[in-house]
Amino acid sequence: MHWLLSAVVGAALTGTVATQTTTPFPTSCSGVAAAKYPYTVDSAWQITKVASGLRQPRTIIFDPLGNMLVLQATSGASVHTFGPDGCINSTTSLIANSGLNHGLSLSPDGKTLYASSATQVWSWTYDAATRKVSNQKTVITGISQGIHSTRTVVVSPKNPNIIIVSTGSNANWDYAAGSPATGRACVKSFDVSKAPATGYNYNTQGTMVAYGVRNEVALAFDPNGHAWGVENSGDDFRRTVNGQSTDVHIDNPAEELNYFGDPESPRTPNWYGYPTCFTVWEPSLFTDTTTLKTGSQFVVSPNSTFNDASCVGVSNPPRLSFPAHIAPIGSVFDKNATNLYVTFHGSWDRQPAAGYLVAEVPFTTTADGVYDPVAAADSKTGYKTVLSSQNPGSCNSPSLTQSTCWRLAGIGWDNAGEKLYVSSDNQADGEIFVLKKK
């Protein structure tokens, strides 16, 4: 929705007169520190840093009046307004809650805000005019914990009562998550209009949209209200055949772009492979076979009764693949869904390092009106790098919050669909940048 139309809608709700228009793209912002780390940007884009000194900014969304809401992990959520120069002119705390660590989403009318901790999802009534929340409710509780603590929350644009929530595996190899009953390594949907007074139990309630997704942090809806996810796949893989073990982990398994369809009518089957079937990025490392290609699914220890072919027709393969260990965090479609934009946090499990970038994935619309990537499923060139660390191979990231490079995380469009905001949650400086096509 265009900024001016959004302002009119917001004014109708609050009884004020709307005079807001789209702000210009800022070439610089006074008082904002220079970029902490060197980067490169595609020649078709321009970029400006608009915020620094934030605390691990993980998620960026916009309310109907064009205010920017930011989830700052282990701190809470903040709201930021923009001046006529396109720079941030005010920042206030919206929610103070040290448990919040990633998920943040607004209902399409901008009146209900959702946020998550490792174990819970809450909702609030949100007022864009006053930039305040009230009426906190527990929507979901009892989410299982493990090595992956983020719980992405996204409201369906098709049905504002439906939210989808992801949870990761509890270990690199979470064998029990092969069963949907565990409530781990999955994406579920919940009808918030029917939530019990104490909230849904994540593990035992809700609708299973997809399971067998190791850590599906980057969730997005296309204009049809169909869900997509970008998955963080496994670490330290070896392929063992007839007792012979080969290290394949530098370039395998691939990170995955998965299509989940309408969360109110989940795909059948809705298993996506984990913890058994993984995806190939670099097939040449599988020296025992010539049948695998990029996008194929494989098992780590094939034998005569269970092998790579056992995944075919049973597990949903990814629609597109990305290089191993580059760690997708956020994803968002542009206003016409001509592209999906994905932030990649960067790797720790390969040398040289990789990731630390924003990817643009071109989409098209099929004859039956379904949104779909342009590239074939076996493509290695199905995306374009828009923004990247200047020398990602030299980046050292010893932990989720420490790195010698930026760690790209949050991503969101302004209401006009003209300016793309991207955050780095490196604890050395929580930064936000704005990009725009020239």
Foldseek 3Di string as FASTA:
>chain_A
DALQVLQVLLCVVVVHDGDDHDADDAPEDPPADDDPFAKDFDPQKDKYFQHKDAAQFFAWDAASNQWIWTQRAQFGIKIFDADNNRHTDDIDGADGDRQFGHAWEAQPNRQKIWTDGQFFIWIWGARPVVRYTHDIATAEGAQDEAPWRDWYWYAFNVDRQKIKIAAAARDLARPVQVDLLQLHQFIFMDRSVPAPRNHHYSNHDGHTLATQAHGFQAWEAAPVRWIKTWGAHHFFAWAAEPNDIFGPGQWDDWTFIATRTHNVDTDVPRYAAPPAWTFGDDVVSVVVDDPHFGQQIWGRYDDPVDTSVNCPPPHDTGQATATHAQAWAYWYAFPNNQWIKIAGQWGARHALIDGQFIKIAGWDADPVGDIGTPDGRRDHPRIDTRMHRPCSSPKHDPDSQAIPTFGKRYWDAGPNSFKIKIWTNRSVMTIIMIMGGD
